N, C-alpha and C. Protein backbone atom coordinates (compact mmCIF):
# COMPACT_ATOMS: atom_id res chain seq x y z
N MET A 1 -149.40 -68.99 -93.60
CA MET A 1 -150.60 -69.61 -94.09
C MET A 1 -151.36 -68.64 -94.98
N PRO A 2 -151.79 -69.04 -96.16
CA PRO A 2 -152.55 -68.14 -97.02
C PRO A 2 -153.88 -67.79 -96.36
N ARG A 3 -154.34 -66.57 -96.65
CA ARG A 3 -155.61 -66.10 -96.08
C ARG A 3 -156.75 -67.03 -96.48
N GLY A 4 -157.59 -67.35 -95.51
CA GLY A 4 -158.77 -68.14 -95.79
C GLY A 4 -158.52 -69.63 -95.91
N LYS A 5 -157.27 -70.07 -95.77
CA LYS A 5 -156.98 -71.50 -95.88
C LYS A 5 -157.47 -72.19 -94.61
N LYS A 6 -158.17 -73.29 -94.76
CA LYS A 6 -158.71 -74.05 -93.64
C LYS A 6 -157.55 -74.71 -92.90
N THR A 7 -157.55 -74.57 -91.60
CA THR A 7 -156.52 -75.20 -90.77
C THR A 7 -156.99 -76.60 -90.41
N SER A 8 -156.13 -77.56 -90.71
CA SER A 8 -156.50 -78.96 -90.43
C SER A 8 -156.48 -79.22 -88.92
N PRO A 9 -157.22 -80.24 -88.49
CA PRO A 9 -157.20 -80.59 -87.06
C PRO A 9 -155.78 -80.92 -86.56
N GLU A 10 -154.95 -81.51 -87.46
CA GLU A 10 -153.58 -81.84 -87.08
C GLU A 10 -152.77 -80.57 -86.81
N GLU A 11 -152.98 -79.55 -87.68
CA GLU A 11 -152.27 -78.28 -87.49
C GLU A 11 -152.74 -77.58 -86.21
N VAL A 12 -154.03 -77.63 -85.95
CA VAL A 12 -154.56 -77.03 -84.72
C VAL A 12 -153.93 -77.73 -83.51
N TYR A 13 -153.84 -79.04 -83.56
CA TYR A 13 -153.25 -79.80 -82.45
C TYR A 13 -151.78 -79.43 -82.27
N GLN A 14 -151.04 -79.30 -83.39
CA GLN A 14 -149.63 -78.90 -83.31
C GLN A 14 -149.50 -77.52 -82.67
N ILE A 15 -150.32 -76.60 -83.12
CA ILE A 15 -150.28 -75.24 -82.57
C ILE A 15 -150.61 -75.26 -81.09
N MET A 16 -151.66 -75.95 -80.74
CA MET A 16 -152.08 -75.97 -79.33
C MET A 16 -151.07 -76.69 -78.45
N THR A 17 -150.46 -77.75 -78.96
CA THR A 17 -149.45 -78.46 -78.18
C THR A 17 -148.26 -77.55 -77.92
N SER A 18 -147.79 -76.88 -78.97
CA SER A 18 -146.65 -75.98 -78.81
C SER A 18 -147.01 -74.80 -77.91
N TRP A 19 -148.15 -74.18 -78.15
CA TRP A 19 -148.55 -73.02 -77.36
C TRP A 19 -148.76 -73.40 -75.90
N THR A 20 -149.29 -74.60 -75.67
CA THR A 20 -149.49 -75.08 -74.30
C THR A 20 -148.17 -75.15 -73.55
N ILE A 21 -147.12 -75.57 -74.25
CA ILE A 21 -145.81 -75.70 -73.62
C ILE A 21 -145.15 -74.33 -73.45
N THR A 22 -145.19 -73.51 -74.51
CA THR A 22 -144.47 -72.24 -74.48
C THR A 22 -145.26 -71.10 -73.85
N ASN A 23 -146.59 -71.16 -73.99
CA ASN A 23 -147.47 -70.07 -73.55
C ASN A 23 -147.04 -68.75 -74.20
N ASN A 24 -146.57 -68.86 -75.46
CA ASN A 24 -146.04 -67.70 -76.16
C ASN A 24 -146.41 -67.81 -77.63
N TYR A 25 -147.20 -66.86 -78.12
CA TYR A 25 -147.64 -66.91 -79.52
C TYR A 25 -146.47 -66.81 -80.49
N LYS A 26 -145.56 -65.87 -80.23
CA LYS A 26 -144.44 -65.65 -81.15
C LYS A 26 -143.53 -66.88 -81.24
N GLU A 27 -143.23 -67.46 -80.08
CA GLU A 27 -142.36 -68.63 -80.07
C GLU A 27 -143.00 -69.81 -80.80
N THR A 28 -144.28 -70.01 -80.58
CA THR A 28 -145.01 -71.08 -81.27
C THR A 28 -145.02 -70.82 -82.77
N ALA A 29 -145.29 -69.57 -83.17
CA ALA A 29 -145.31 -69.22 -84.59
C ALA A 29 -143.95 -69.46 -85.22
N ARG A 30 -142.90 -69.06 -84.53
CA ARG A 30 -141.53 -69.26 -85.04
C ARG A 30 -141.22 -70.76 -85.17
N GLU A 31 -141.60 -71.52 -84.15
CA GLU A 31 -141.34 -72.96 -84.15
C GLU A 31 -142.04 -73.68 -85.30
N LEU A 32 -143.27 -73.26 -85.60
CA LEU A 32 -144.06 -73.95 -86.62
C LEU A 32 -144.06 -73.25 -87.98
N GLY A 33 -143.38 -72.11 -88.05
CA GLY A 33 -143.32 -71.38 -89.31
C GLY A 33 -144.65 -70.80 -89.75
N LEU A 34 -145.40 -70.30 -88.79
CA LEU A 34 -146.72 -69.73 -89.07
C LEU A 34 -146.76 -68.27 -88.65
N PRO A 35 -147.69 -67.51 -89.18
CA PRO A 35 -147.86 -66.13 -88.72
C PRO A 35 -148.34 -66.10 -87.26
N VAL A 36 -147.88 -65.11 -86.55
CA VAL A 36 -148.27 -64.96 -85.15
C VAL A 36 -149.78 -64.80 -85.04
N SER A 37 -150.38 -64.07 -85.97
CA SER A 37 -151.83 -63.84 -85.90
C SER A 37 -152.60 -65.15 -86.04
N THR A 38 -152.11 -66.06 -86.86
CA THR A 38 -152.77 -67.37 -87.01
C THR A 38 -152.69 -68.16 -85.71
N VAL A 39 -151.49 -68.18 -85.13
CA VAL A 39 -151.29 -68.90 -83.87
C VAL A 39 -152.18 -68.30 -82.78
N LYS A 40 -152.21 -66.96 -82.70
CA LYS A 40 -153.01 -66.30 -81.67
C LYS A 40 -154.50 -66.62 -81.86
N ASP A 41 -154.99 -66.52 -83.09
CA ASP A 41 -156.40 -66.81 -83.35
C ASP A 41 -156.76 -68.24 -82.96
N ILE A 42 -155.95 -69.18 -83.39
CA ILE A 42 -156.24 -70.60 -83.10
C ILE A 42 -156.13 -70.88 -81.61
N ALA A 43 -155.09 -70.34 -80.96
CA ALA A 43 -154.91 -70.58 -79.52
C ALA A 43 -156.07 -69.96 -78.74
N ASP A 44 -156.44 -68.75 -79.09
CA ASP A 44 -157.54 -68.08 -78.37
C ASP A 44 -158.87 -68.81 -78.54
N LYS A 45 -159.10 -69.37 -79.74
CA LYS A 45 -160.35 -70.09 -80.00
C LYS A 45 -160.39 -71.44 -79.29
N ASN A 46 -159.22 -72.05 -79.06
CA ASN A 46 -159.19 -73.42 -78.57
C ASN A 46 -158.70 -73.60 -77.14
N LYS A 47 -158.18 -72.55 -76.53
CA LYS A 47 -157.53 -72.72 -75.22
C LYS A 47 -158.48 -73.17 -74.11
N ASP A 48 -159.77 -72.92 -74.26
CA ASP A 48 -160.71 -73.32 -73.22
C ASP A 48 -161.39 -74.65 -73.49
N LYS A 49 -161.04 -75.29 -74.61
CA LYS A 49 -161.62 -76.60 -74.91
C LYS A 49 -161.04 -77.63 -73.94
N PRO A 50 -161.89 -78.54 -73.46
CA PRO A 50 -161.46 -79.49 -72.43
C PRO A 50 -160.19 -80.27 -72.77
N GLU A 51 -160.04 -80.69 -74.04
CA GLU A 51 -158.85 -81.49 -74.38
C GLU A 51 -157.57 -80.66 -74.26
N PHE A 52 -157.64 -79.37 -74.54
CA PHE A 52 -156.45 -78.53 -74.44
C PHE A 52 -156.22 -78.04 -73.02
N VAL A 53 -157.29 -77.86 -72.26
CA VAL A 53 -157.14 -77.54 -70.84
C VAL A 53 -156.44 -78.71 -70.15
N LYS A 54 -156.89 -79.92 -70.49
CA LYS A 54 -156.28 -81.14 -69.93
C LYS A 54 -154.81 -81.23 -70.34
N LEU A 55 -154.52 -80.97 -71.62
CA LEU A 55 -153.14 -81.01 -72.11
C LEU A 55 -152.28 -79.98 -71.39
N ARG A 56 -152.81 -78.78 -71.23
CA ARG A 56 -152.08 -77.72 -70.53
C ARG A 56 -151.78 -78.12 -69.09
N ASN A 57 -152.76 -78.69 -68.41
CA ASN A 57 -152.55 -79.13 -67.03
C ASN A 57 -151.50 -80.24 -66.97
N GLU A 58 -151.54 -81.16 -67.93
CA GLU A 58 -150.54 -82.23 -67.97
C GLU A 58 -149.14 -81.67 -68.16
N LYS A 59 -149.01 -80.71 -69.08
CA LYS A 59 -147.69 -80.10 -69.35
C LYS A 59 -147.20 -79.32 -68.13
N MET A 60 -148.11 -78.63 -67.44
CA MET A 60 -147.71 -77.91 -66.24
C MET A 60 -147.27 -78.89 -65.15
N ASP A 61 -147.97 -80.01 -65.04
CA ASP A 61 -147.57 -81.03 -64.05
C ASP A 61 -146.22 -81.63 -64.40
N GLU A 62 -145.99 -81.88 -65.70
CA GLU A 62 -144.68 -82.40 -66.15
C GLU A 62 -143.58 -81.40 -65.81
N PHE A 63 -143.82 -80.12 -66.12
CA PHE A 63 -142.83 -79.10 -65.81
C PHE A 63 -142.56 -79.04 -64.32
N SER A 64 -143.62 -79.08 -63.53
CA SER A 64 -143.48 -79.01 -62.09
C SER A 64 -142.64 -80.18 -61.55
N ALA A 65 -142.90 -81.37 -62.08
CA ALA A 65 -142.13 -82.55 -61.65
C ALA A 65 -140.66 -82.42 -62.04
N ARG A 66 -140.41 -81.97 -63.28
CA ARG A 66 -139.01 -81.78 -63.72
C ARG A 66 -138.33 -80.70 -62.88
N ALA A 67 -139.05 -79.62 -62.62
CA ALA A 67 -138.47 -78.54 -61.81
C ALA A 67 -138.13 -79.05 -60.41
N SER A 68 -139.00 -79.87 -59.84
CA SER A 68 -138.72 -80.43 -58.51
C SER A 68 -137.45 -81.26 -58.52
N GLU A 69 -137.29 -82.08 -59.56
CA GLU A 69 -136.08 -82.90 -59.68
C GLU A 69 -134.83 -82.03 -59.77
N ILE A 70 -134.90 -80.99 -60.59
CA ILE A 70 -133.74 -80.11 -60.77
C ILE A 70 -133.45 -79.34 -59.49
N ILE A 71 -134.49 -78.89 -58.80
CA ILE A 71 -134.30 -78.18 -57.53
C ILE A 71 -133.60 -79.11 -56.54
N GLN A 72 -134.04 -80.36 -56.48
CA GLN A 72 -133.39 -81.32 -55.58
C GLN A 72 -131.93 -81.53 -55.93
N LYS A 73 -131.65 -81.63 -57.23
CA LYS A 73 -130.24 -81.78 -57.67
C LYS A 73 -129.43 -80.55 -57.28
N GLY A 74 -130.01 -79.36 -57.47
CA GLY A 74 -129.32 -78.12 -57.11
C GLY A 74 -129.05 -78.05 -55.62
N LEU A 75 -130.03 -78.45 -54.83
CA LEU A 75 -129.84 -78.46 -53.37
C LEU A 75 -128.76 -79.47 -52.97
N LYS A 76 -128.76 -80.61 -53.64
CA LYS A 76 -127.74 -81.64 -53.36
C LYS A 76 -126.35 -81.11 -53.72
N LEU A 77 -126.24 -80.45 -54.88
CA LEU A 77 -124.97 -79.87 -55.30
C LEU A 77 -124.52 -78.79 -54.32
N LEU A 78 -125.44 -77.93 -53.95
CA LEU A 78 -125.12 -76.87 -52.99
C LEU A 78 -124.64 -77.47 -51.67
N ASN A 79 -125.33 -78.48 -51.19
CA ASN A 79 -124.95 -79.14 -49.95
C ASN A 79 -123.56 -79.76 -50.05
N LYS A 80 -123.28 -80.43 -51.19
CA LYS A 80 -121.95 -81.04 -51.39
C LYS A 80 -120.86 -79.98 -51.39
N ARG A 81 -121.12 -78.88 -52.10
CA ARG A 81 -120.11 -77.82 -52.17
C ARG A 81 -119.87 -77.19 -50.81
N LEU A 82 -120.93 -76.99 -50.06
CA LEU A 82 -120.76 -76.42 -48.73
C LEU A 82 -120.00 -77.38 -47.82
N ASP A 83 -120.34 -78.67 -47.86
CA ASP A 83 -119.63 -79.66 -47.05
C ASP A 83 -118.15 -79.70 -47.42
N ARG A 84 -117.87 -79.71 -48.73
CA ARG A 84 -116.49 -79.76 -49.20
C ARG A 84 -115.73 -78.50 -48.78
N ALA A 85 -116.38 -77.37 -48.90
CA ALA A 85 -115.73 -76.11 -48.53
C ALA A 85 -115.40 -76.08 -47.04
N ILE A 86 -116.35 -76.51 -46.24
CA ILE A 86 -116.13 -76.51 -44.79
C ILE A 86 -115.00 -77.47 -44.42
N ALA A 87 -115.00 -78.65 -45.03
CA ALA A 87 -113.99 -79.67 -44.71
C ALA A 87 -112.59 -79.26 -45.15
N SER A 88 -112.48 -78.53 -46.25
CA SER A 88 -111.15 -78.26 -46.79
C SER A 88 -110.69 -76.82 -46.63
N GLU A 89 -111.49 -75.96 -46.06
CA GLU A 89 -111.15 -74.54 -45.96
C GLU A 89 -109.82 -74.31 -45.22
N GLU A 90 -109.65 -74.94 -44.09
CA GLU A 90 -108.43 -74.74 -43.31
C GLU A 90 -107.21 -75.29 -44.05
N ASP A 91 -107.35 -76.47 -44.66
CA ASP A 91 -106.24 -77.05 -45.43
C ASP A 91 -105.83 -76.15 -46.59
N LEU A 92 -106.82 -75.58 -47.27
CA LEU A 92 -106.53 -74.70 -48.40
C LEU A 92 -105.81 -73.43 -47.93
N ASP A 93 -106.25 -72.87 -46.81
CA ASP A 93 -105.58 -71.68 -46.28
C ASP A 93 -104.13 -71.98 -45.91
N LEU A 94 -103.89 -73.12 -45.29
CA LEU A 94 -102.52 -73.52 -44.94
C LEU A 94 -101.65 -73.69 -46.18
N LEU A 95 -102.21 -74.30 -47.20
CA LEU A 95 -101.48 -74.52 -48.45
C LEU A 95 -101.14 -73.19 -49.12
N ILE A 96 -102.05 -72.25 -49.10
CA ILE A 96 -101.79 -70.92 -49.67
C ILE A 96 -100.66 -70.24 -48.91
N ASP A 97 -100.70 -70.30 -47.58
CA ASP A 97 -99.63 -69.70 -46.77
C ASP A 97 -98.29 -70.37 -47.06
N GLU A 98 -98.30 -71.67 -47.21
CA GLU A 98 -97.07 -72.42 -47.48
C GLU A 98 -96.47 -72.03 -48.83
N ILE A 99 -97.31 -71.84 -49.82
CA ILE A 99 -96.82 -71.45 -51.15
C ILE A 99 -96.12 -70.10 -51.07
N PHE A 100 -96.72 -69.14 -50.39
CA PHE A 100 -96.11 -67.82 -50.30
C PHE A 100 -94.86 -67.83 -49.40
N ALA A 101 -94.71 -68.82 -48.54
CA ALA A 101 -93.55 -68.90 -47.66
C ALA A 101 -92.34 -69.56 -48.32
N THR A 102 -92.52 -70.19 -49.48
CA THR A 102 -91.40 -70.87 -50.14
C THR A 102 -90.39 -69.84 -50.65
N ASP A 103 -89.14 -70.33 -50.80
CA ASP A 103 -88.08 -69.46 -51.31
C ASP A 103 -88.39 -68.99 -52.72
N LYS A 104 -87.89 -67.82 -53.03
CA LYS A 104 -88.11 -67.26 -54.36
C LYS A 104 -87.49 -68.15 -55.43
N GLU A 105 -86.42 -68.87 -55.08
CA GLU A 105 -85.73 -69.69 -56.07
C GLU A 105 -86.53 -70.95 -56.41
N GLU A 106 -87.29 -71.45 -55.46
CA GLU A 106 -88.05 -72.67 -55.71
C GLU A 106 -89.20 -72.41 -56.68
N LEU A 107 -89.92 -71.35 -56.47
CA LEU A 107 -91.05 -70.98 -57.33
C LEU A 107 -90.97 -69.49 -57.64
N SER A 108 -91.21 -69.16 -58.89
CA SER A 108 -91.26 -67.73 -59.23
C SER A 108 -92.56 -67.16 -58.66
N GLN A 109 -92.61 -65.84 -58.56
CA GLN A 109 -93.82 -65.20 -58.05
C GLN A 109 -95.01 -65.51 -58.96
N ASP A 110 -94.76 -65.57 -60.25
CA ASP A 110 -95.82 -65.89 -61.21
C ASP A 110 -96.34 -67.31 -60.98
N GLU A 111 -95.43 -68.26 -60.75
CA GLU A 111 -95.85 -69.65 -60.49
C GLU A 111 -96.63 -69.74 -59.18
N LYS A 112 -96.18 -68.99 -58.17
CA LYS A 112 -96.91 -68.96 -56.89
C LYS A 112 -98.33 -68.43 -57.09
N ASN A 113 -98.43 -67.34 -57.83
CA ASN A 113 -99.74 -66.74 -58.07
C ASN A 113 -100.67 -67.71 -58.80
N LYS A 114 -100.12 -68.42 -59.80
CA LYS A 114 -100.93 -69.39 -60.54
C LYS A 114 -101.43 -70.51 -59.63
N LEU A 115 -100.52 -71.03 -58.78
CA LEU A 115 -100.92 -72.08 -57.84
C LEU A 115 -101.97 -71.59 -56.86
N VAL A 116 -101.76 -70.41 -56.34
CA VAL A 116 -102.72 -69.85 -55.38
C VAL A 116 -104.08 -69.67 -56.05
N ASN A 117 -104.08 -69.18 -57.29
CA ASN A 117 -105.35 -69.00 -58.00
C ASN A 117 -106.06 -70.33 -58.22
N LYS A 118 -105.30 -71.38 -58.55
CA LYS A 118 -105.92 -72.70 -58.72
C LYS A 118 -106.53 -73.18 -57.41
N ILE A 119 -105.79 -72.98 -56.33
CA ILE A 119 -106.30 -73.41 -55.02
C ILE A 119 -107.53 -72.58 -54.63
N LYS A 120 -107.47 -71.28 -54.87
CA LYS A 120 -108.61 -70.42 -54.53
C LYS A 120 -109.85 -70.81 -55.31
N SER A 121 -109.64 -71.32 -56.52
CA SER A 121 -110.81 -71.73 -57.31
C SER A 121 -111.49 -72.95 -56.69
N LEU A 122 -110.77 -73.69 -55.86
CA LEU A 122 -111.36 -74.82 -55.16
C LEU A 122 -112.20 -74.37 -53.95
N GLN A 123 -111.88 -73.17 -53.46
CA GLN A 123 -112.62 -72.66 -52.32
C GLN A 123 -114.00 -72.20 -52.77
N LEU A 124 -114.90 -72.23 -51.83
CA LEU A 124 -116.27 -71.81 -52.13
C LEU A 124 -116.41 -70.34 -51.76
N HIS A 125 -116.36 -69.48 -52.78
CA HIS A 125 -116.49 -68.05 -52.53
C HIS A 125 -117.87 -67.54 -52.90
N ASP A 126 -118.39 -68.04 -54.00
CA ASP A 126 -119.63 -67.47 -54.52
C ASP A 126 -120.58 -68.60 -54.91
N ILE A 127 -121.68 -68.71 -54.20
CA ILE A 127 -122.66 -69.75 -54.52
C ILE A 127 -123.92 -69.13 -55.13
N ARG A 128 -123.80 -67.87 -55.55
CA ARG A 128 -124.95 -67.16 -56.11
C ARG A 128 -125.58 -67.87 -57.29
N ALA A 129 -124.76 -68.40 -58.20
CA ALA A 129 -125.31 -69.03 -59.41
C ALA A 129 -126.23 -70.20 -59.05
N ILE A 130 -125.80 -71.01 -58.10
CA ILE A 130 -126.60 -72.18 -57.70
C ILE A 130 -127.87 -71.72 -57.00
N THR A 131 -127.73 -70.81 -56.05
CA THR A 131 -128.92 -70.38 -55.30
C THR A 131 -129.90 -69.60 -56.18
N THR A 132 -129.37 -68.84 -57.13
CA THR A 132 -130.25 -68.12 -58.05
C THR A 132 -131.03 -69.10 -58.92
N ALA A 133 -130.35 -70.12 -59.43
CA ALA A 133 -131.02 -71.13 -60.26
C ALA A 133 -132.09 -71.86 -59.46
N ILE A 134 -131.77 -72.22 -58.22
CA ILE A 134 -132.74 -72.91 -57.37
C ILE A 134 -133.94 -72.00 -57.12
N GLY A 135 -133.69 -70.74 -56.78
CA GLY A 135 -134.78 -69.80 -56.51
C GLY A 135 -135.66 -69.56 -57.73
N THR A 136 -135.03 -69.42 -58.88
CA THR A 136 -135.80 -69.20 -60.11
C THR A 136 -136.68 -70.39 -60.41
N LEU A 137 -136.11 -71.59 -60.34
CA LEU A 137 -136.90 -72.79 -60.59
C LEU A 137 -138.02 -72.96 -59.57
N TYR A 138 -137.73 -72.63 -58.32
CA TYR A 138 -138.74 -72.73 -57.28
C TYR A 138 -139.93 -71.82 -57.62
N ASP A 139 -139.63 -70.58 -58.04
CA ASP A 139 -140.70 -69.65 -58.42
C ASP A 139 -141.49 -70.16 -59.62
N LYS A 140 -140.79 -70.66 -60.64
CA LYS A 140 -141.47 -71.17 -61.83
C LYS A 140 -142.35 -72.37 -61.47
N LYS A 141 -141.83 -73.23 -60.60
CA LYS A 141 -142.61 -74.40 -60.16
C LYS A 141 -143.84 -73.94 -59.39
N ALA A 142 -143.68 -72.95 -58.52
CA ALA A 142 -144.82 -72.42 -57.76
C ALA A 142 -145.89 -71.87 -58.71
N LEU A 143 -145.46 -71.15 -59.73
CA LEU A 143 -146.42 -70.64 -60.72
C LEU A 143 -147.14 -71.78 -61.41
N ALA A 144 -146.38 -72.81 -61.81
CA ALA A 144 -146.99 -73.95 -62.49
C ALA A 144 -147.97 -74.68 -61.57
N ASP A 145 -147.70 -74.66 -60.28
CA ASP A 145 -148.57 -75.32 -59.31
C ASP A 145 -149.70 -74.43 -58.83
N GLY A 146 -149.75 -73.19 -59.35
CA GLY A 146 -150.81 -72.26 -58.97
C GLY A 146 -150.63 -71.64 -57.59
N LYS A 147 -149.39 -71.61 -57.10
CA LYS A 147 -149.11 -71.04 -55.78
C LYS A 147 -148.48 -69.67 -55.95
N PRO A 148 -148.56 -68.82 -54.92
CA PRO A 148 -147.94 -67.49 -55.03
C PRO A 148 -146.42 -67.61 -55.03
N THR A 149 -145.77 -66.63 -55.65
CA THR A 149 -144.31 -66.64 -55.70
C THR A 149 -143.70 -65.58 -54.79
N GLU A 150 -144.54 -64.97 -53.98
CA GLU A 150 -144.05 -64.03 -53.00
C GLU A 150 -144.93 -64.11 -51.76
N ARG A 151 -144.39 -63.63 -50.66
CA ARG A 151 -145.19 -63.63 -49.44
C ARG A 151 -146.29 -62.61 -49.57
N THR A 152 -147.50 -63.05 -49.36
CA THR A 152 -148.63 -62.14 -49.51
C THR A 152 -149.31 -61.86 -48.18
N GLU A 153 -148.94 -62.60 -47.14
CA GLU A 153 -149.60 -62.36 -45.86
C GLU A 153 -148.97 -61.17 -45.16
N ILE A 154 -149.73 -60.58 -44.27
CA ILE A 154 -149.28 -59.43 -43.51
C ILE A 154 -148.97 -59.93 -42.11
N ILE A 155 -147.84 -59.53 -41.58
CA ILE A 155 -147.39 -60.07 -40.31
C ILE A 155 -147.56 -59.04 -39.19
N GLY A 156 -148.01 -59.53 -38.03
CA GLY A 156 -148.03 -58.74 -36.81
C GLY A 156 -148.98 -57.56 -36.82
N ASP A 157 -148.52 -56.46 -36.21
CA ASP A 157 -149.33 -55.27 -36.01
C ASP A 157 -149.71 -54.62 -37.34
N ASP A 158 -148.96 -54.94 -38.39
CA ASP A 158 -149.24 -54.34 -39.70
C ASP A 158 -150.58 -54.79 -40.27
N LYS A 159 -151.15 -55.88 -39.75
CA LYS A 159 -152.42 -56.38 -40.27
C LYS A 159 -153.52 -55.33 -40.15
N LEU A 160 -153.64 -54.75 -38.97
CA LEU A 160 -154.68 -53.74 -38.76
C LEU A 160 -154.44 -52.51 -39.61
N ASN A 161 -153.17 -52.09 -39.70
CA ASN A 161 -152.85 -50.93 -40.53
C ASN A 161 -153.19 -51.20 -41.99
N LYS A 162 -152.88 -52.37 -42.47
CA LYS A 162 -153.15 -52.72 -43.87
C LYS A 162 -154.66 -52.80 -44.11
N LEU A 163 -155.38 -53.42 -43.19
CA LEU A 163 -156.84 -53.50 -43.33
C LEU A 163 -157.48 -52.12 -43.34
N ALA A 164 -157.01 -51.25 -42.46
CA ALA A 164 -157.54 -49.88 -42.41
C ALA A 164 -157.24 -49.16 -43.72
N GLU A 165 -156.03 -49.35 -44.22
CA GLU A 165 -155.64 -48.71 -45.48
C GLU A 165 -156.51 -49.21 -46.63
N LEU A 166 -156.74 -50.52 -46.68
CA LEU A 166 -157.56 -51.09 -47.74
C LEU A 166 -159.01 -50.61 -47.66
N ALA A 167 -159.48 -50.39 -46.44
CA ALA A 167 -160.84 -49.92 -46.24
C ALA A 167 -160.98 -48.41 -46.43
N GLY A 168 -159.85 -47.73 -46.57
CA GLY A 168 -159.89 -46.28 -46.80
C GLY A 168 -159.93 -45.47 -45.52
N TYR A 169 -159.58 -46.07 -44.40
CA TYR A 169 -159.58 -45.35 -43.12
C TYR A 169 -158.15 -45.06 -42.71
N GLU A 170 -158.02 -43.97 -41.97
CA GLU A 170 -156.73 -43.69 -41.37
C GLU A 170 -156.77 -44.23 -39.95
N ARG A 171 -155.86 -45.08 -39.63
CA ARG A 171 -155.85 -45.71 -38.29
C ARG A 171 -155.10 -44.82 -37.32
N LYS A 172 -155.73 -44.57 -36.17
CA LYS A 172 -155.09 -43.77 -35.13
C LYS A 172 -154.23 -44.68 -34.28
N GLN A 173 -153.05 -44.22 -34.01
CA GLN A 173 -152.11 -45.04 -33.23
C GLN A 173 -152.31 -44.87 -31.75
């Protein structure tokens, strides 16, 4: 944008809509082809206006709802995979043993290895990707809902120690 050029209300709305969703000046500037300084100035001047506060809250609620849906799908997928793994684990192990017990003439060692690898890929060894995605979305949803993303309470006997520490006292045991 040229220096001193008046920003139209439509452009302000575009900037604020994008910034409300991304919460990132650079990304909004890149998306709209504007200088970062322009986006930052406009966002900073308008972010507390009621219409944009309302828009931001609506977008956060939309994100939270979508995140909840995806978390539920992830949990459903995780549950299905665990059920399938439990139901078929013994059968898969027997099949692997059977493949290695066949005569060398029936299957080459390379063919046996390929079959075993295909069968092993059906087994549930690593569910980290699913649980990581669920955990990440859960944290993002908590942030959007204004909730903490970590445990902040102090449990048990540590309460008194923490309070004493915060107050600047050394607690005698």
